[in-house]
């Protein structure tokens, strides 16, 4: 996944969209392109709401409207087309999401990005929700959808049960995982003092990190692009990022390292 997708969408610019095209960032679990704006008939509105809730009920992601894809159906962006009446369409999307998704998706954002052409692009950022599962309620539809790679499908009974139960077990999952990591680090330190800074995703059971992503590996080597004059600087430039059973690891001497686990947990030691 491109590092661009780690930016707040309020900071996206035309150059970011162009980079997605240049790097051939294809559709997948966390990104989808639409050539045209959803139409105003009932079925198109339902489709839009399904797409949005499917992201929220899975891992979250970005829905980018106004981008043409390749003709081979590989989901690769090829051209910026833009969206007519973008501000009006943004407001329509927002209104429909507020009225026809239950419960509402916390942190849902819509951004208009100038494209350098006549019409701008519309970007929807749908975060992974802590209030899942979200239901489409437009005109009595009452359905739950979830994204699977480039596709979406109705949530199964087991997926619905899992979605409801996750909301109530988040705190215990995080506590249990961090405690297990602390015990391992204590054993590795062998009595030497150490200091750990950790960042944990809310949903910590799932594997959400692609350890083969070269962009991610480079990011681990340069976590502090704007280094402070004071403070503890972890300089890992020139070091190898190594795969482990749990995820990725990068080391320097004296027990100083970064661990990134497949579930998104990041520890600086």
Protein backbone atom coordinates (compact mmCIF):
# COMPACT_ATOMS: atom_id res chain seq x y z
CA UNK A 1 0.00 0.00 0.00
CA UNK A 2 1.29 3.44 -0.92
CA UNK A 3 2.59 5.69 1.85
CA UNK A 4 0.30 8.38 0.39
CA UNK A 5 -2.63 6.52 1.92
CA UNK A 6 -1.25 7.26 5.38
CA UNK A 7 -1.84 10.99 4.87
CA UNK A 8 -4.91 12.80 6.13
CA UNK A 9 -7.14 13.34 3.11
CA UNK A 10 -7.29 17.06 3.94
CA UNK A 11 -3.60 17.13 2.92
CA UNK A 12 -4.06 15.30 -0.39
CA UNK A 13 -3.07 17.20 -3.52
CA UNK A 14 -3.14 16.58 -7.25
CA UNK A 15 0.41 15.23 -7.06
CA UNK A 16 -0.75 12.50 -4.64
CA UNK A 17 -3.39 11.33 -7.10
CA UNK A 18 -0.87 11.38 -9.90
CA UNK A 19 1.50 9.25 -7.80
CA UNK A 20 -1.19 6.61 -7.33
CA UNK A 21 -1.43 6.42 -11.11
CA UNK A 22 2.32 6.50 -11.67
CA UNK A 23 2.94 3.76 -9.09
CA UNK A 24 0.01 1.72 -10.44
CA UNK A 25 -1.55 1.31 -7.02
CA UNK A 26 -4.30 -1.17 -7.82
CA UNK A 27 -7.62 -1.65 -6.10
CA UNK A 28 -7.54 -3.95 -3.12
CA UNK A 29 -8.79 -4.39 0.40
CA UNK A 30 -8.32 -0.72 1.29
CA UNK A 31 -8.80 1.24 -1.93
CA UNK A 32 -11.34 1.46 -4.76
CA UNK A 33 -11.60 3.74 -7.79
CA UNK A 34 -14.78 4.93 -9.47
CA UNK A 35 -14.72 6.45 -12.94
CA UNK A 36 -18.04 8.25 -12.52
CA UNK A 37 -20.12 9.59 -9.69
CA UNK A 38 -22.92 7.35 -8.45
CA UNK A 39 -26.16 8.21 -10.22
CA UNK A 40 -29.24 9.52 -8.44
CA UNK A 41 -31.52 6.52 -8.90
CA UNK A 42 -32.32 4.26 -5.95
CA UNK A 43 -30.14 1.32 -7.01
CA UNK A 44 -27.05 3.50 -7.52
CA UNK A 45 -27.59 5.09 -4.12
CA UNK A 46 -27.86 1.64 -2.53
CA UNK A 47 -24.65 0.61 -4.29
CA UNK A 48 -22.81 3.63 -2.94
CA UNK A 49 -24.00 2.94 0.61
CA UNK A 50 -23.01 -0.72 0.27
CA UNK A 51 -19.52 0.29 -0.87
CA UNK A 52 -19.06 2.68 2.04
CA UNK A 53 -20.36 0.36 4.77
CA UNK A 54 -18.38 -2.57 3.32
CA UNK A 55 -15.17 -0.63 3.99
CA UNK A 56 -16.26 0.33 7.52
CA UNK A 57 -17.22 -3.26 8.34
CA UNK A 58 -13.83 -4.55 7.17
CA UNK A 59 -10.49 -2.71 7.48
CA UNK A 60 -11.54 0.76 6.34
CA UNK A 61 -10.17 2.38 3.22
CA UNK A 62 -10.43 4.98 0.47
CA UNK A 63 -13.06 5.36 -2.22
CA UNK A 64 -11.75 7.69 -4.94
CA UNK A 65 -14.27 9.00 -7.48
CA UNK A 66 -13.22 10.45 -10.83
CA UNK A 67 -10.40 8.03 -11.73
CA UNK A 68 -10.42 5.83 -14.83
CA UNK A 69 -9.13 2.25 -14.47
CA UNK A 70 -7.30 0.01 -16.93
CA UNK A 71 -9.26 -1.90 -19.58
CA UNK A 72 -8.01 -5.29 -18.33
CA UNK A 73 -10.10 -5.06 -15.15
CA UNK A 74 -7.03 -5.19 -12.90
CA UNK A 75 -8.19 -2.18 -10.88
CA UNK A 76 -5.14 -0.10 -11.88
CA UNK A 77 -5.72 3.69 -12.12
CA UNK A 78 -4.80 5.16 -15.50
CA UNK A 79 -6.28 8.65 -15.84
CA UNK A 80 -7.83 11.52 -13.89
CA UNK A 81 -11.33 12.36 -15.12
CA UNK A 82 -12.80 14.32 -12.22
CA UNK A 83 -16.39 14.75 -11.08
CA UNK A 84 -18.85 17.37 -12.27
CA UNK A 85 -20.54 19.51 -9.60
CA UNK A 86 -18.17 18.04 -7.01
CA UNK A 87 -19.30 20.21 -4.09
CA UNK A 88 -22.95 19.34 -4.68
CA UNK A 89 -22.11 15.65 -4.96
CA UNK A 90 -20.01 15.77 -1.79
CA UNK A 91 -22.97 17.19 0.12
CA UNK A 92 -25.28 14.54 -1.37
CA UNK A 93 -22.98 11.73 -0.25
CA UNK A 94 -22.72 13.20 3.23
CA UNK A 95 -26.49 13.62 3.56
CA UNK A 96 -27.21 10.06 2.40
CA UNK A 97 -24.65 8.59 4.77
CA UNK A 98 -26.12 10.48 7.70
CA UNK A 99 -29.67 9.39 6.91
CA UNK A 100 -29.19 5.88 5.54
CA UNK A 101 -26.38 4.20 7.53
CA UNK A 102 -26.98 2.92 11.04
CA UNK A 103 -25.07 3.48 13.21
CA UNK A 104 -23.23 6.42 11.70
CA UNK A 105 -19.57 5.83 10.85
CA UNK A 106 -17.24 7.75 13.22
CA UNK A 107 -14.44 9.62 11.47
CA UNK A 108 -15.96 9.36 7.99
CA UNK A 109 -14.47 12.10 5.75
CA UNK A 110 -15.10 13.47 2.27
CA UNK A 111 -12.55 15.66 0.50
CA UNK A 112 -12.55 17.46 -2.84
CA UNK A 113 -9.11 17.51 -4.47
CA UNK A 114 -8.38 19.76 -7.49
CA UNK A 115 -7.16 17.64 -10.39
CA UNK A 116 -5.56 20.20 -12.68
CA UNK A 117 -8.45 19.67 -15.07
CA UNK A 118 -11.90 21.22 -15.22
CA UNK A 119 -13.38 18.89 -12.60
CA UNK A 120 -11.87 17.87 -9.24
CA UNK A 121 -11.76 14.44 -7.62
CA UNK A 122 -13.83 13.30 -4.65
CA UNK A 123 -12.08 11.17 -2.01
CA UNK A 124 -13.97 9.31 0.70
CA UNK A 125 -11.99 8.07 3.69
CA UNK A 126 -13.89 5.39 5.57
CA UNK A 127 -12.03 4.44 8.76
CA UNK A 128 -12.23 1.01 10.28
CA UNK A 129 -15.10 1.43 12.66
CA UNK A 130 -15.32 0.69 16.36
CA UNK A 131 -19.12 0.70 16.05
CA UNK A 132 -19.37 -2.03 13.45
CA UNK A 133 -21.32 -3.61 11.95
CA UNK A 134 -22.96 -0.76 10.03
CA UNK A 135 -26.24 -1.34 8.23
CA UNK A 136 -27.59 0.22 5.03
CA UNK A 137 -31.12 1.44 5.77
CA UNK A 138 -31.95 3.31 2.54
CA UNK A 139 -35.65 2.83 1.72
CA UNK A 140 -36.00 -0.32 3.76
CA UNK A 141 -32.91 -2.17 2.51
CA UNK A 142 -31.60 -3.18 5.99
CA UNK A 143 -28.43 -5.01 4.89
CA UNK A 144 -24.90 -5.48 6.22
CA UNK A 145 -21.99 -5.61 3.75
CA UNK A 146 -18.26 -6.30 4.12
CA UNK A 147 -15.31 -5.82 1.77
CA UNK A 148 -13.15 -8.78 0.76
CA UNK A 149 -10.15 -7.61 -1.28
CA UNK A 150 -11.70 -5.89 -4.36
CA UNK A 151 -15.15 -7.33 -3.81
CA UNK A 152 -17.93 -6.89 -1.28
CA UNK A 153 -20.60 -9.29 -0.11
CA UNK A 154 -23.39 -9.52 2.40
CA UNK A 155 -22.07 -10.29 5.85
CA UNK A 156 -22.63 -13.86 6.94
CA UNK A 157 -24.19 -14.76 10.28
CA UNK A 158 -20.74 -15.59 11.68
CA UNK A 159 -19.31 -12.26 10.47
CA UNK A 160 -22.16 -10.38 12.11
CA UNK A 161 -21.64 -12.23 15.39
CA UNK A 162 -17.92 -11.55 15.22
CA UNK A 163 -18.52 -7.86 14.46
CA UNK A 164 -20.80 -7.38 17.46
CA UNK A 165 -18.52 -9.32 19.81
CA UNK A 166 -15.37 -7.43 18.79
CA UNK A 167 -16.79 -4.16 20.04
CA UNK A 168 -17.06 -5.55 23.56
CA UNK A 169 -13.69 -7.34 23.67
CA UNK A 170 -11.36 -4.62 22.34
CA UNK A 171 -9.91 -3.55 25.68
CA UNK A 172 -9.19 -7.10 26.88
CA UNK A 173 -7.59 -8.03 23.53
CA UNK A 174 -5.17 -5.10 23.72
CA UNK A 175 -4.29 -5.68 27.38
CA UNK A 176 -3.63 -9.37 26.79
CA UNK A 177 -1.46 -8.81 23.72
CA UNK A 178 0.65 -6.05 25.29
CA UNK A 179 1.16 -8.06 28.47
CA UNK A 180 2.40 -11.04 26.46
CA UNK A 181 4.84 -8.78 24.57
CA UNK A 182 6.14 -7.27 27.83
CA UNK A 183 6.87 -10.72 29.22
CA UNK A 184 8.85 -11.68 26.11
CA UNK A 185 10.87 -8.43 26.22
CA UNK A 186 11.72 -8.92 29.88
CA UNK A 187 13.13 -12.35 29.05
CA UNK A 188 15.10 -11.00 26.08
CA UNK A 189 16.56 -8.12 28.12
CA UNK A 190 18.04 -10.57 30.63
CA UNK A 191 17.79 -8.19 33.56
CA UNK A 192 19.04 -5.09 31.69
CA UNK A 193 16.88 -1.96 31.85
CA UNK A 194 14.91 -1.10 28.73
CA UNK A 195 12.26 1.36 27.61
CA UNK A 196 9.41 0.56 25.24
CA UNK A 197 7.12 2.89 23.30
CA UNK A 198 4.21 1.04 21.72
CA UNK A 199 1.34 1.90 19.41
CA UNK A 200 -1.49 -0.61 19.06
CA UNK A 201 -4.38 -0.70 16.57
CA UNK A 202 -7.80 -0.92 18.16
CA UNK A 203 -8.62 -4.25 16.49
CA UNK A 204 -5.51 -6.18 17.35
CA UNK A 205 -6.40 -9.77 16.40
CA UNK A 206 -6.31 -9.39 12.62
CA UNK A 207 -3.32 -9.44 10.30
CA UNK A 208 -3.36 -6.07 8.54
CA UNK A 209 0.34 -5.53 7.73
CA UNK A 210 1.86 -6.68 4.45
CA UNK A 211 5.45 -7.50 5.43
CA UNK A 212 6.46 -7.62 1.75
CA UNK A 213 5.57 -3.96 1.12
CA UNK A 214 8.84 -2.19 0.22
CA UNK A 215 7.35 1.24 0.97
CA UNK A 216 6.56 0.09 4.49
CA UNK A 217 10.09 -1.21 4.98
CA UNK A 218 11.57 2.13 3.91
CA UNK A 219 9.21 3.95 6.26
CA UNK A 220 10.48 1.89 9.19
CA UNK A 221 14.01 3.08 8.46
CA UNK A 222 12.93 6.72 8.56
CA UNK A 223 10.27 7.10 11.23
CA UNK A 224 11.48 10.59 12.17
CA UNK A 225 11.83 12.56 8.91
CA UNK A 226 11.79 15.86 10.87
CA UNK A 227 14.28 15.06 13.59
CA UNK A 228 14.23 17.15 16.72
CA UNK A 229 17.36 18.77 18.15
CA UNK A 230 16.60 17.18 21.50
CA UNK A 231 15.28 13.74 22.34
CA UNK A 232 16.14 10.13 21.61
CA UNK A 233 16.72 9.64 17.89
CA UNK A 234 16.45 6.11 16.53
CA UNK A 235 18.67 6.10 13.47
CA UNK A 236 18.03 2.91 11.50
CA UNK A 237 19.19 4.15 8.10
CA UNK A 238 21.36 1.62 6.34
CA UNK A 239 20.02 -1.24 8.46
CA UNK A 240 18.16 -4.21 7.05
CA UNK A 241 14.48 -4.72 7.77
CA UNK A 242 14.15 -8.41 8.58
CA UNK A 243 11.02 -10.59 8.41
CA UNK A 244 10.13 -12.56 11.53
CA UNK A 245 7.38 -14.98 12.47
CA UNK A 246 5.45 -12.04 13.98
CA UNK A 247 6.12 -9.38 11.32
CA UNK A 248 9.14 -7.15 10.69
CA UNK A 249 12.16 -6.19 12.80
CA UNK A 250 15.01 -3.72 12.42
CA UNK A 251 17.97 -3.77 14.82
CA UNK A 252 20.98 -1.80 15.96
CA UNK A 253 23.30 -2.75 18.80
CA UNK A 254 22.59 -2.31 22.51
CA UNK A 255 19.08 -3.78 22.37
CA UNK A 256 17.67 -0.92 20.31
CA UNK A 257 15.15 -1.91 17.69
CA UNK A 258 11.76 -1.51 16.10
CA UNK A 259 9.23 -4.35 15.89
CA UNK A 260 6.19 -4.12 13.59
CA UNK A 261 3.77 -6.99 14.00
CA UNK A 262 1.38 -8.33 11.39
CA UNK A 263 -1.55 -7.06 13.45
CA UNK A 264 -0.26 -3.47 13.28
CA UNK A 265 1.32 -3.25 16.74
CA UNK A 266 4.47 -1.08 16.61
CA UNK A 267 7.06 -1.16 19.38
CA UNK A 268 10.19 0.99 19.67
CA UNK A 269 12.59 -0.54 22.19
